[in-house]
Amino acid sequence: MHLHIRASYADLYHLAMGQAWFREGLADKRAHFDYFFRRLPFEGGSVVFAGLADLLAVLAEWRFDDDDLAYLTDRGFDSDYVAHLRDLRFRGRVEAPREGEVMFPTEPVLRVEGSVLETQLVETIVLNVLNFQSLIATKAARMRSVAGDAVLSEFGLRRAQGPGGVMAARAAIIGGFDSTSDVYAAERYGLRSEGTMAHSFIQWHADELTAFRRFAEARPEETVLLVDTYDTLRSGVPNAITVAREMEARGERLRAIRLDSGDLAFFARRARAMLDDAGLGYVKIAASNQLDEYVIRSLREQRAPIDIFGVGTSLVT
């Protein structure tokens, strides 16, 4: 299971209604609930469905543990009802589209069938997992639609609301992103992981060139150099060119440079010219810094020679 969610991940009124049904002898009566949404996010035309795999994994191991049951007892729930919950498992049925398919307002998207007790108790989990991941996948799809053939990498873990960043990484891939910086998500979900370097690594060293050299020596097969710590065009790109040539002498290749501030279109064009003049046409240019679908579209319209977009805050928050 990718998400550690217990059956107590529910709203209190579900458990209160459950006790009423249990007292009436109706807890096992068959029922179904349809999942749908009312309004489109981002002023768009559709929503990308995501979160099903995580939801099914949660439901497969759904149960109340001893701590849950002790809490419910302390909250005054009937002892025979709590005893019933101890043995309760989700035995219902879920009908849903494939992840990545589009859905529209007010139409039934997913159906949960089972006893009225179990289907009602899992409602919050269903909404929580599907709503969040579908929202992220939809935002990702909007960026994919304007990014052309550029690589989109999800950089949002540090900006996300706690562990939700792990789910966001997978949802971004469903929406059309190519990779994630989130190592945990990449490991758990089998995603492509990708990263660059931080300003702190450069500042830790005596000078930028030394920092670039040490980093390239440590990860030559995936080296992406962050060139805007001090002066992008006077030191960052020239030092990256120096390191790229040194790597070539060792039979290696610099993968990319990264721009993280300023006028990205301007710096990308200037950096591209400098790299090409140095015979480094294969070195790609990555860009980050508060990107969203509107900024990416603007950069594409300006024909900024950016090959990789790293997106965080606007995707996951």
C-alpha atoms as a PDB file:
ATOM      1  CA  MET A   1       0.000   0.000   0.000  1.00  0.00           C
ATOM      2  CA  HIS A   2       1.394   3.386  -0.944  1.00  0.00           C
ATOM      3  CA  LEU A   3      -0.660   5.399   1.542  1.00  0.00           C
ATOM      4  CA  HIS A   4      -0.910   4.571   5.235  1.00  0.00           C
ATOM      5  CA  ILE A   5      -4.579   5.390   5.738  1.00  0.00           C
ATOM      6  CA  ARG A   6      -6.700   3.567   8.317  1.00  0.00           C
ATOM      7  CA  ALA A   7     -10.467   3.233   8.420  1.00  0.00           C
ATOM      8  CA  SER A   8     -10.618   6.042  10.980  1.00  0.00           C
ATOM      9  CA  TYR A   9      -9.715   8.394   8.106  1.00  0.00           C
ATOM     10  CA  ALA A  10     -13.366   9.413   8.068  1.00  0.00           C
ATOM     11  CA  ASP A  11     -15.666  12.166   9.235  1.00  0.00           C
ATOM     12  CA  LEU A  12     -17.327  11.593  12.597  1.00  0.00           C
ATOM     13  CA  TYR A  13     -20.831  11.745  11.176  1.00  0.00           C
ATOM     14  CA  HIS A  14     -20.130   8.667   9.059  1.00  0.00           C
ATOM     15  CA  LEU A  15     -19.479   6.678  12.212  1.00  0.00           C
ATOM     16  CA  ALA A  16     -22.522   8.175  13.930  1.00  0.00           C
ATOM     17  CA  MET A  17     -24.779   7.258  11.009  1.00  0.00           C
ATOM     18  CA  GLY A  18     -23.152   3.841  10.959  1.00  0.00           C
ATOM     19  CA  GLN A  19     -24.144   3.224  14.558  1.00  0.00           C
ATOM     20  CA  ALA A  20     -27.725   4.209  13.766  1.00  0.00           C
ATOM     21  CA  TRP A  21     -27.824   1.785  10.835  1.00  0.00           C
ATOM     22  CA  PHE A  22     -26.278  -0.910  13.001  1.00  0.00           C
ATOM     23  CA  ARG A  23     -28.924  -0.422  15.690  1.00  0.00           C
ATOM     24  CA  GLU A  24     -31.658  -0.617  13.032  1.00  0.00           C
ATOM     25  CA  GLY A  25     -30.212  -3.836  11.656  1.00  0.00           C
ATOM     26  CA  LEU A  26     -29.521  -2.141   8.315  1.00  0.00           C
ATOM     27  CA  ALA A  27     -25.717  -2.018   8.343  1.00  0.00           C
ATOM     28  CA  ASP A  28     -25.419  -4.845   5.824  1.00  0.00           C
ATOM     29  CA  LYS A  29     -28.098  -3.568   3.463  1.00  0.00           C
ATOM     30  CA  ARG A  30     -26.711  -3.092  -0.062  1.00  0.00           C
ATOM     31  CA  ALA A  31     -26.067   0.413  -1.354  1.00  0.00           C
ATOM     32  CA  HIS A  32     -24.074   2.292  -3.944  1.00  0.00           C
ATOM     33  CA  PHE A  33     -22.643   5.787  -4.134  1.00  0.00           C
ATOM     34  CA  ASP A  34     -21.508   7.668  -7.235  1.00  0.00           C
ATOM     35  CA  TYR A  35     -18.484   9.954  -7.264  1.00  0.00           C
ATOM     36  CA  PHE A  36     -18.851  13.175  -9.265  1.00  0.00           C
ATOM     37  CA  PHE A  37     -17.900  16.847  -9.111  1.00  0.00           C
ATOM     38  CA  ARG A  38     -19.865  20.020  -9.791  1.00  0.00           C
ATOM     39  CA  ARG A  39     -17.501  22.692 -11.072  1.00  0.00           C
ATOM     40  CA  LEU A  40     -14.409  22.722 -13.271  1.00  0.00           C
ATOM     41  CA  PRO A  41     -11.134  23.966 -11.774  1.00  0.00           C
ATOM     42  CA  PHE A  42      -8.783  26.470 -13.447  1.00  0.00           C
ATOM     43  CA  GLU A  43     -11.574  27.690 -15.769  1.00  0.00           C
ATOM     44  CA  GLY A  44     -10.876  24.653 -17.924  1.00  0.00           C
ATOM     45  CA  GLY A  45     -13.064  22.334 -19.955  1.00  0.00           C
ATOM     46  CA  SER A  46     -12.506  18.980 -18.245  1.00  0.00           C
ATOM     47  CA  VAL A  47     -10.757  17.183 -15.398  1.00  0.00           C
ATOM     48  CA  VAL A  48      -8.175  14.406 -15.682  1.00  0.00           C
ATOM     49  CA  PHE A  49      -9.116  11.419 -13.523  1.00  0.00           C
ATOM     50  CA  ALA A  50      -6.355  10.259 -11.164  1.00  0.00           C
ATOM     51  CA  GLY A  51      -5.897   8.522  -7.824  1.00  0.00           C
ATOM     52  CA  LEU A  52      -7.604   5.212  -8.536  1.00  0.00           C
ATOM     53  CA  ALA A  53      -4.558   3.013  -7.898  1.00  0.00           C
ATOM     54  CA  ASP A  54      -3.936   4.588  -4.499  1.00  0.00           C
ATOM     55  CA  LEU A  55      -7.614   4.373  -3.612  1.00  0.00           C
ATOM     56  CA  LEU A  56      -7.802   0.666  -4.435  1.00  0.00           C
ATOM     57  CA  ALA A  57      -4.620   0.012  -2.455  1.00  0.00           C
ATOM     58  CA  VAL A  58      -6.110   1.764   0.564  1.00  0.00           C
ATOM     59  CA  LEU A  59      -9.413  -0.099   0.302  1.00  0.00           C
ATOM     60  CA  ALA A  60      -7.614  -3.441   0.032  1.00  0.00           C
ATOM     61  CA  GLU A  61      -6.133  -2.932   3.511  1.00  0.00           C
ATOM     62  CA  TRP A  62      -8.943  -0.865   5.012  1.00  0.00           C
ATOM     63  CA  ARG A  63      -9.585  -1.702   8.664  1.00  0.00           C
ATOM     64  CA  PHE A  64      -9.967  -0.219  12.141  1.00  0.00           C
ATOM     65  CA  ASP A  65      -6.977  -0.956  14.361  1.00  0.00           C
ATOM     66  CA  ASP A  66      -6.916  -1.235  18.147  1.00  0.00           C
ATOM     67  CA  ASP A  67      -6.163   2.459  18.641  1.00  0.00           C
ATOM     68  CA  ASP A  68      -9.113   3.402  16.437  1.00  0.00           C
ATOM     69  CA  LEU A  69     -11.459   1.139  18.345  1.00  0.00           C
ATOM     70  CA  ALA A  70     -10.244   2.375  21.725  1.00  0.00           C
ATOM     71  CA  TYR A  71     -10.847   5.958  20.644  1.00  0.00           C
ATOM     72  CA  LEU A  72     -14.367   5.171  19.429  1.00  0.00           C
ATOM     73  CA  THR A  73     -15.118   3.476  22.735  1.00  0.00           C
ATOM     74  CA  ASP A  74     -13.904   6.551  24.605  1.00  0.00           C
ATOM     75  CA  ARG A  75     -16.116   8.708  22.359  1.00  0.00           C
ATOM     76  CA  GLY A  76     -19.143   6.794  23.631  1.00  0.00           C
ATOM     77  CA  PHE A  77     -19.958   4.526  20.703  1.00  0.00           C
ATOM     78  CA  ASP A  78     -21.848   1.312  21.551  1.00  0.00           C
ATOM     79  CA  SER A  79     -19.633  -1.608  22.501  1.00  0.00           C
ATOM     80  CA  ASP A  80     -21.393  -4.024  20.142  1.00  0.00           C
ATOM     81  CA  TYR A  81     -21.027  -1.534  17.262  1.00  0.00           C
ATOM     82  CA  VAL A  82     -17.323  -1.120  18.004  1.00  0.00           C
ATOM     83  CA  ALA A  83     -16.979  -4.908  18.106  1.00  0.00           C
ATOM     84  CA  HIS A  84     -18.628  -5.073  14.684  1.00  0.00           C
ATOM     85  CA  LEU A  85     -16.173  -2.514  13.323  1.00  0.00           C
ATOM     86  CA  ARG A  86     -13.251  -4.631  14.559  1.00  0.00           C
ATOM     87  CA  ASP A  87     -14.009  -7.296  11.971  1.00  0.00           C
ATOM     88  CA  LEU A  88     -15.221  -4.955   9.245  1.00  0.00           C
ATOM     89  CA  ARG A  89     -13.308  -4.981   5.962  1.00  0.00           C
ATOM     90  CA  PHE A  90     -14.114  -3.394   2.631  1.00  0.00           C
ATOM     91  CA  ARG A  91     -15.733  -6.162   0.586  1.00  0.00           C
ATOM     92  CA  GLY A  92     -17.435  -3.899  -1.895  1.00  0.00           C
ATOM     93  CA  ARG A  93     -16.966  -3.225  -5.574  1.00  0.00           C
ATOM     94  CA  VAL A  94     -15.500  -0.187  -7.322  1.00  0.00           C
ATOM     95  CA  GLU A  95     -16.319   0.687 -10.933  1.00  0.00           C
ATOM     96  CA  ALA A  96     -14.192   3.437 -12.441  1.00  0.00           C
ATOM     97  CA  PRO A  97     -12.591   4.701 -15.652  1.00  0.00           C
ATOM     98  CA  ARG A  98      -8.881   4.381 -16.282  1.00  0.00           C
ATOM     99  CA  GLU A  99      -6.638   6.996 -14.767  1.00  0.00           C
ATOM    100  CA  GLY A 100      -5.804   9.685 -17.290  1.00  0.00           C
ATOM    101  CA  GLU A 101      -9.264   9.737 -18.846  1.00  0.00           C
ATOM    102  CA  VAL A 102     -11.175  13.012 -18.808  1.00  0.00           C
ATOM    103  CA  MET A 103     -14.345  13.660 -16.839  1.00  0.00           C
ATOM    104  CA  PHE A 104     -16.928  16.412 -16.831  1.00  0.00           C
ATOM    105  CA  PRO A 105     -19.138  18.143 -14.229  1.00  0.00           C
ATOM    106  CA  THR A 106     -22.157  16.342 -12.724  1.00  0.00           C
ATOM    107  CA  GLU A 107     -21.553  13.059 -14.572  1.00  0.00           C
ATOM    108  CA  PRO A 108     -21.055   9.883 -12.487  1.00  0.00           C
ATOM    109  CA  VAL A 109     -17.373   8.985 -12.688  1.00  0.00           C
ATOM    110  CA  LEU A 110     -16.854   6.216 -10.138  1.00  0.00           C
ATOM    111  CA  ARG A 111     -19.277   3.952  -8.300  1.00  0.00           C
ATOM    112  CA  VAL A 112     -18.711   2.278  -4.935  1.00  0.00           C
ATOM    113  CA  GLU A 113     -21.017  -0.668  -4.179  1.00  0.00           C
ATOM    114  CA  GLY A 114     -21.269  -2.684  -0.972  1.00  0.00           C
ATOM    115  CA  SER A 115     -23.007  -2.610   2.386  1.00  0.00           C
ATOM    116  CA  VAL A 116     -24.379   0.781   3.358  1.00  0.00           C
ATOM    117  CA  LEU A 117     -21.998   0.811   6.329  1.00  0.00           C
ATOM    118  CA  GLU A 118     -18.784   0.158   4.429  1.00  0.00           C
ATOM    119  CA  THR A 119     -19.658   2.345   1.453  1.00  0.00           C
ATOM    120  CA  GLN A 120     -20.514   5.274   3.727  1.00  0.00           C
ATOM    121  CA  LEU A 121     -17.435   4.848   5.918  1.00  0.00           C
ATOM    122  CA  VAL A 122     -15.061   4.998   2.928  1.00  0.00           C
ATOM    123  CA  GLU A 123     -16.670   8.115   1.427  1.00  0.00           C
ATOM    124  CA  THR A 124     -14.136  10.551   2.883  1.00  0.00           C
ATOM    125  CA  ILE A 125     -11.212   8.446   1.685  1.00  0.00           C
ATOM    126  CA  VAL A 126     -12.665   8.253  -1.823  1.00  0.00           C
ATOM    127  CA  LEU A 127     -13.160  12.001  -2.036  1.00  0.00           C
ATOM    128  CA  ASN A 128      -9.836  12.880  -0.440  1.00  0.00           C
ATOM    129  CA  VAL A 129      -7.696  10.679  -2.670  1.00  0.00           C
ATOM    130  CA  LEU A 130      -9.502  11.242  -5.974  1.00  0.00           C
ATOM    131  CA  ASN A 131     -10.180  14.962  -5.608  1.00  0.00           C
ATOM    132  CA  PHE A 132      -6.583  15.863  -4.830  1.00  0.00           C
ATOM    133  CA  GLN A 133      -4.912  13.678  -7.412  1.00  0.00           C
ATOM    134  CA  SER A 134      -7.388  14.594 -10.146  1.00  0.00           C
ATOM    135  CA  LEU A 135      -6.793  18.277  -9.412  1.00  0.00           C
ATOM    136  CA  ILE A 136      -3.014  17.845  -9.749  1.00  0.00           C
ATOM    137  CA  ALA A 137      -3.335  15.728 -12.897  1.00  0.00           C
ATOM    138  CA  THR A 138      -5.575  18.374 -14.445  1.00  0.00           C
ATOM    139  CA  LYS A 139      -3.120  21.170 -13.683  1.00  0.00           C
ATOM    140  CA  ALA A 140      -0.314  19.032 -15.112  1.00  0.00           C
ATOM    141  CA  ALA A 141      -2.298  18.387 -18.286  1.00  0.00           C
ATOM    142  CA  ARG A 142      -2.785  22.117 -18.770  1.00  0.00           C
ATOM    143  CA  MET A 143       0.975  22.600 -18.668  1.00  0.00           C
ATOM    144  CA  ARG A 144       1.552  19.650 -20.957  1.00  0.00           C
ATOM    145  CA  SER A 145      -0.815  21.166 -23.510  1.00  0.00           C
ATOM    146  CA  VAL A 146       1.347  24.287 -23.888  1.00  0.00           C
ATOM    147  CA  ALA A 147       4.832  22.821 -23.350  1.00  0.00           C
ATOM    148  CA  GLY A 148       5.185  21.194 -26.751  1.00  0.00           C
ATOM    149  CA  ASP A 149       7.959  18.604 -26.801  1.00  0.00           C
ATOM    150  CA  ALA A 150       9.762  20.070 -23.781  1.00  0.00           C
ATOM    151  CA  VAL A 151      10.396  17.844 -20.774  1.00  0.00           C
ATOM    152  CA  LEU A 152       8.195  18.607 -17.758  1.00  0.00           C
ATOM    153  CA  SER A 153       9.574  17.645 -14.359  1.00  0.00           C
ATOM    154  CA  GLU A 154       7.626  17.842 -11.109  1.00  0.00           C
ATOM    155  CA  PHE A 155       9.593  19.736  -8.418  1.00  0.00           C
ATOM    156  CA  GLY A 156       6.796  20.237  -5.893  1.00  0.00           C
ATOM    157  CA  LEU A 157       7.570  18.071  -2.863  1.00  0.00           C
ATOM    158  CA  ARG A 158       8.972  20.901  -0.726  1.00  0.00           C
ATOM    159  CA  ARG A 159       5.977  23.095  -1.545  1.00  0.00           C
ATOM    160  CA  ALA A 160       3.264  20.479  -1.063  1.00  0.00           C
ATOM    161  CA  GLN A 161       0.995  19.982   1.926  1.00  0.00           C
ATOM    162  CA  GLY A 162       2.914  17.291   3.790  1.00  0.00           C
ATOM    163  CA  PRO A 163       2.837  13.731   2.433  1.00  0.00           C
ATOM    164  CA  GLY A 164       0.415  14.868  -0.258  1.00  0.00           C
ATOM    165  CA  GLY A 165       3.507  15.683  -2.282  1.00  0.00           C
ATOM    166  CA  VAL A 166       4.039  11.977  -2.885  1.00  0.00           C
ATOM    167  CA  MET A 167       0.589  11.579  -4.404  1.00  0.00           C
ATOM    168  CA  ALA A 168       1.083  14.798  -6.360  1.00  0.00           C
ATOM    169  CA  ALA A 169       4.151  13.403  -8.094  1.00  0.00           C
ATOM    170  CA  ARG A 170       2.249  10.414  -9.427  1.00  0.00           C
ATOM    171  CA  ALA A 171      -0.733  12.531 -10.428  1.00  0.00           C
ATOM    172  CA  ALA A 172       1.549  14.902 -12.335  1.00  0.00           C
ATOM    173  CA  ILE A 173       2.865  11.988 -14.381  1.00  0.00           C
ATOM    174  CA  ILE A 174      -0.696  10.896 -15.162  1.00  0.00           C
ATOM    175  CA  GLY A 175      -1.380  14.448 -16.336  1.00  0.00           C
ATOM    176  CA  GLY A 176       1.530  14.405 -18.761  1.00  0.00           C
ATOM    177  CA  PHE A 177       4.700  15.208 -16.826  1.00  0.00           C
ATOM    178  CA  ASP A 178       7.821  13.207 -17.608  1.00  0.00           C
ATOM    179  CA  SER A 179       9.611  12.942 -14.273  1.00  0.00           C
ATOM    180  CA  THR A 180       9.727  13.957 -10.622  1.00  0.00           C
ATOM    181  CA  SER A 181      12.388  15.159  -8.205  1.00  0.00           C
ATOM    182  CA  ASP A 182      10.642  13.199  -5.426  1.00  0.00           C
ATOM    183  CA  VAL A 183      12.817  10.158  -4.709  1.00  0.00           C
ATOM    184  CA  TYR A 184      10.224   8.506  -2.463  1.00  0.00           C
ATOM    185  CA  ALA A 185       7.484   8.802  -5.070  1.00  0.00           C
ATOM    186  CA  ALA A 186       9.793   7.593  -7.834  1.00  0.00           C
ATOM    187  CA  GLU A 187      10.726   4.541  -5.790  1.00  0.00           C
ATOM    188  CA  ARG A 188       7.198   3.696  -4.658  1.00  0.00           C
ATOM    189  CA  TYR A 189       5.455   4.276  -7.958  1.00  0.00           C
ATOM    190  CA  GLY A 190       8.197   3.345 -10.430  1.00  0.00           C
ATOM    191  CA  LEU A 191       8.497   6.877 -11.803  1.00  0.00           C
ATOM    192  CA  ARG A 192      11.441   8.492 -13.547  1.00  0.00           C
ATOM    193  CA  SER A 193      13.400  10.599 -11.044  1.00  0.00           C
ATOM    194  CA  GLU A 194      15.307  13.684 -12.075  1.00  0.00           C
ATOM    195  CA  GLY A 195      17.141  16.479 -10.292  1.00  0.00           C
ATOM    196  CA  THR A 196      19.668  19.256 -10.639  1.00  0.00           C
ATOM    197  CA  MET A 197      21.613  21.015  -7.875  1.00  0.00           C
ATOM    198  CA  ALA A 198      21.029  23.714  -5.251  1.00  0.00           C
ATOM    199  CA  HIS A 199      22.515  27.159  -4.762  1.00  0.00           C
ATOM    200  CA  SER A 200      23.751  26.000  -1.356  1.00  0.00           C
ATOM    201  CA  PHE A 201      26.139  23.490  -2.949  1.00  0.00           C
ATOM    202  CA  ILE A 202      27.726  26.248  -5.001  1.00  0.00           C
ATOM    203  CA  GLN A 203      27.909  28.652  -2.068  1.00  0.00           C
ATOM    204  CA  TRP A 204      29.528  25.986   0.081  1.00  0.00           C
ATOM    205  CA  HIS A 205      32.578  25.922  -2.168  1.00  0.00           C
ATOM    206  CA  ALA A 206      35.214  28.609  -2.494  1.00  0.00           C
ATOM    207  CA  ASP A 207      34.106  29.465  -6.016  1.00  0.00           C
ATOM    208  CA  GLU A 208      31.510  28.493  -8.590  1.00  0.00           C
ATOM    209  CA  LEU A 209      33.881  26.693 -10.948  1.00  0.00           C
ATOM    210  CA  THR A 210      35.144  24.431  -8.180  1.00  0.00           C
ATOM    211  CA  ALA A 211      31.571  23.631  -7.177  1.00  0.00           C
ATOM    212  CA  PHE A 212      30.677  22.735 -10.762  1.00  0.00           C
ATOM    213  CA  ARG A 213      33.731  20.498 -11.069  1.00  0.00           C
ATOM    214  CA  ARG A 214      33.050  18.612  -7.847  1.00  0.00           C
ATOM    215  CA  PHE A 215      29.416  18.080  -8.778  1.00  0.00           C
ATOM    216  CA  ALA A 216      30.257  16.855 -12.283  1.00  0.00           C
ATOM    217  CA  GLU A 217      32.785  14.421 -10.839  1.00  0.00           C
ATOM    218  CA  ALA A 218      30.180  13.024  -8.438  1.00  0.00           C
ATOM    219  CA  ARG A 219      27.357  12.532 -10.972  1.00  0.00           C
ATOM    220  CA  PRO A 220      28.822  12.763 -14.482  1.00  0.00           C
ATOM    221  CA  GLU A 221      26.002  10.831 -16.122  1.00  0.00           C
ATOM    222  CA  GLU A 222      23.286  13.220 -14.874  1.00  0.00           C
ATOM    223  CA  THR A 223      25.036  16.543 -14.398  1.00  0.00           C
ATOM    224  CA  VAL A 224      22.834  19.633 -14.570  1.00  0.00           C
ATOM    225  CA  LEU A 225      24.590  22.831 -13.486  1.00  0.00           C
ATOM    226  CA  LEU A 226      22.694  25.704 -11.853  1.00  0.00           C
ATOM    227  CA  VAL A 227      24.180  28.800 -13.459  1.00  0.00           C
ATOM    228  CA  ASP A 228      22.472  31.774 -11.770  1.00  0.00           C
ATOM    229  CA  THR A 229      23.893  31.772  -8.243  1.00  0.00           C
ATOM    230  CA  TYR A 230      26.159  34.758  -8.908  1.00  0.00           C
ATOM    231  CA  ASP A 231      26.068  36.067 -12.487  1.00  0.00           C
ATOM    232  CA  THR A 232      24.392  33.928 -15.118  1.00  0.00           C
ATOM    233  CA  LEU A 233      26.138  35.235 -18.226  1.00  0.00           C
ATOM    234  CA  ARG A 234      29.473  36.411 -16.810  1.00  0.00           C
ATOM    235  CA  SER A 235      30.281  33.429 -14.619  1.00  0.00           C
ATOM    236  CA  GLY A 236      27.576  30.755 -14.532  1.00  0.00           C
ATOM    237  CA  VAL A 237      27.381  29.838 -18.211  1.00  0.00           C
ATOM    238  CA  PRO A 238      31.134  30.377 -18.885  1.00  0.00           C
ATOM    239  CA  ASN A 239      32.023  28.125 -15.943  1.00  0.00           C
ATOM    240  CA  ALA A 240      29.538  25.520 -17.153  1.00  0.00           C
ATOM    241  CA  ILE A 241      31.201  25.631 -20.583  1.00  0.00           C
ATOM    242  CA  THR A 242      34.599  25.084 -18.966  1.00  0.00           C
ATOM    243  CA  VAL A 243      33.317  22.066 -17.061  1.00  0.00           C
ATOM    244  CA  ALA A 244      31.540  20.704 -20.146  1.00  0.00           C
ATOM    245  CA  ARG A 245      34.811  20.752 -22.085  1.00  0.00           C
ATOM    246  CA  GLU A 246      36.624  19.050 -19.219  1.00  0.00           C
ATOM    247  CA  MET A 247      33.903  16.399 -19.170  1.00  0.00           C
ATOM    248  CA  GLU A 248      34.289  15.858 -22.916  1.00  0.00           C
ATOM    249  CA  ALA A 249      38.001  15.221 -22.372  1.00  0.00           C
ATOM    250  CA  ARG A 250      36.985  12.421 -19.986  1.00  0.00           C
ATOM    251  CA  GLY A 251      34.493  10.975 -22.449  1.00  0.00           C
ATOM    252  CA  GLU A 252      31.515  12.441 -20.579  1.00  0.00           C
ATOM    253  CA  ARG A 253      28.781  14.918 -21.487  1.00  0.00           C
ATOM    254  CA  LEU A 254      27.169  17.708 -19.532  1.00  0.00           C
ATOM    255  CA  ARG A 255      23.446  17.076 -19.658  1.00  0.00           C
ATOM    256  CA  ALA A 256      22.084  20.588 -19.066  1.00  0.00           C
ATOM    257  CA  ILE A 257      22.341  23.949 -17.390  1.00  0.00           C
ATOM    258  CA  ARG A 258      19.511  25.334 -15.275  1.00  0.00           C
ATOM    259  CA  LEU A 259      18.123  28.860 -15.047  1.00  0.00           C
ATOM    260  CA  ASP A 260      16.209  29.676 -11.871  1.00  0.00           C
ATOM    261  CA  SER A 261      15.741  33.449 -11.860  1.00  0.00           C
ATOM    262  CA  GLY A 262      15.380  36.584 -13.928  1.00  0.00           C
ATOM    263  CA  ASP A 263      14.091  36.949 -17.472  1.00  0.00           C
ATOM    264  CA  LEU A 264      14.106  33.296 -18.448  1.00  0.00           C
ATOM    265  CA  ALA A 265      13.539  33.925 -22.164  1.00  0.00           C
ATOM    266  CA  PHE A 266      16.409  36.421 -22.353  1.00  0.00           C
ATOM    267  CA  PHE A 267      18.839  34.291 -20.387  1.00  0.00           C
ATOM    268  CA  ALA A 268      17.881  31.134 -22.283  1.00  0.00           C
ATOM    269  CA  ARG A 269      18.571  32.769 -25.647  1.00  0.00           C
ATOM    270  CA  ARG A 270      21.904  34.179 -24.507  1.00  0.00           C
ATOM    271  CA  ALA A 271      22.944  30.930 -22.859  1.00  0.00           C
ATOM    272  CA  ARG A 272      21.949  28.910 -25.931  1.00  0.00           C
ATOM    273  CA  ALA A 273      24.101  31.131 -28.146  1.00  0.00           C
ATOM    274  CA  MET A 274      27.068  30.806 -25.792  1.00  0.00           C
ATOM    275  CA  LEU A 275      26.755  27.031 -25.619  1.00  0.00           C
ATOM    276  CA  ASP A 276      26.386  26.697 -29.385  1.00  0.00           C
ATOM    277  CA  ASP A 277      29.385  28.954 -30.022  1.00  0.00           C
ATOM    278  CA  ALA A 278      31.382  26.675 -27.736  1.00  0.00           C
ATOM    279  CA  GLY A 279      30.365  23.613 -29.757  1.00  0.00           C
ATOM    280  CA  LEU A 280      28.045  22.397 -27.012  1.00  0.00           C
ATOM    281  CA  GLY A 281      24.802  22.208 -28.933  1.00  0.00           C
ATOM    282  CA  TYR A 282      23.881  18.986 -27.147  1.00  0.00           C
ATOM    283  CA  VAL A 283      23.753  20.674 -23.721  1.00  0.00           C
ATOM    284  CA  LYS A 284      20.125  21.330 -22.845  1.00  0.00           C
ATOM    285  CA  ILE A 285      18.648  24.274 -20.980  1.00  0.00           C
ATOM    286  CA  ALA A 286      16.350  23.736 -18.001  1.00  0.00           C
ATOM    287  CA  ALA A 287      14.271  26.461 -16.381  1.00  0.00           C
ATOM    288  CA  SER A 288      12.396  26.802 -13.098  1.00  0.00           C
ATOM    289  CA  ASN A 289      11.074  29.631 -10.872  1.00  0.00           C
ATOM    290  CA  GLN A 290       7.317  29.947 -10.310  1.00  0.00           C
ATOM    291  CA  LEU A 291       6.334  28.370 -13.606  1.00  0.00           C
ATOM    292  CA  ASP A 292       2.745  27.587 -14.555  1.00  0.00           C
ATOM    293  CA  GLU A 293       0.862  27.015 -17.803  1.00  0.00           C
ATOM    294  CA  TYR A 294       0.689  30.743 -18.514  1.00  0.00           C
ATOM    295  CA  VAL A 295       4.414  31.352 -18.026  1.00  0.00           C
ATOM    296  CA  ILE A 296       5.324  28.251 -20.025  1.00  0.00           C
ATOM    297  CA  ARG A 297       3.045  29.315 -22.866  1.00  0.00           C
ATOM    298  CA  SER A 298       4.603  32.783 -22.848  1.00  0.00           C
ATOM    299  CA  LEU A 299       8.106  31.332 -22.981  1.00  0.00           C
ATOM    300  CA  ARG A 300       7.118  29.092 -25.871  1.00  0.00           C
ATOM    301  CA  GLU A 301       5.545  32.013 -27.724  1.00  0.00           C
ATOM    302  CA  GLN A 302       8.784  33.948 -27.233  1.00  0.00           C
ATOM    303  CA  ARG A 303      10.618  30.955 -28.721  1.00  0.00           C
ATOM    304  CA  ALA A 304      12.797  30.676 -25.650  1.00  0.00           C
ATOM    305  CA  PRO A 305      15.168  27.730 -26.264  1.00  0.00           C
ATOM    306  CA  ILE A 306      14.205  25.891 -23.083  1.00  0.00           C
ATOM    307  CA  ASP A 307      14.220  22.098 -23.196  1.00  0.00           C
ATOM    308  CA  ILE A 308      13.187  21.243 -19.639  1.00  0.00           C
ATOM    309  CA  PHE A 309      10.688  22.940 -17.327  1.00  0.00           C
ATOM    310  CA  GLY A 310      10.815  22.242 -13.587  1.00  0.00           C
ATOM    311  CA  VAL A 311       7.474  23.062 -11.949  1.00  0.00           C
ATOM    312  CA  GLY A 312       6.672  23.047  -8.240  1.00  0.00           C
ATOM    313  CA  THR A 313       4.510  25.542  -6.387  1.00  0.00           C
ATOM    314  CA  SER A 314       1.811  26.198  -8.973  1.00  0.00           C
ATOM    315  CA  LEU A 315       1.381  22.483  -9.606  1.00  0.00           C
ATOM    316  CA  VAL A 316       0.993  21.066  -6.105  1.00  0.00           C
ATOM    317  CA  THR A 317      -0.466  23.922  -4.036  1.00  0.00           C
END
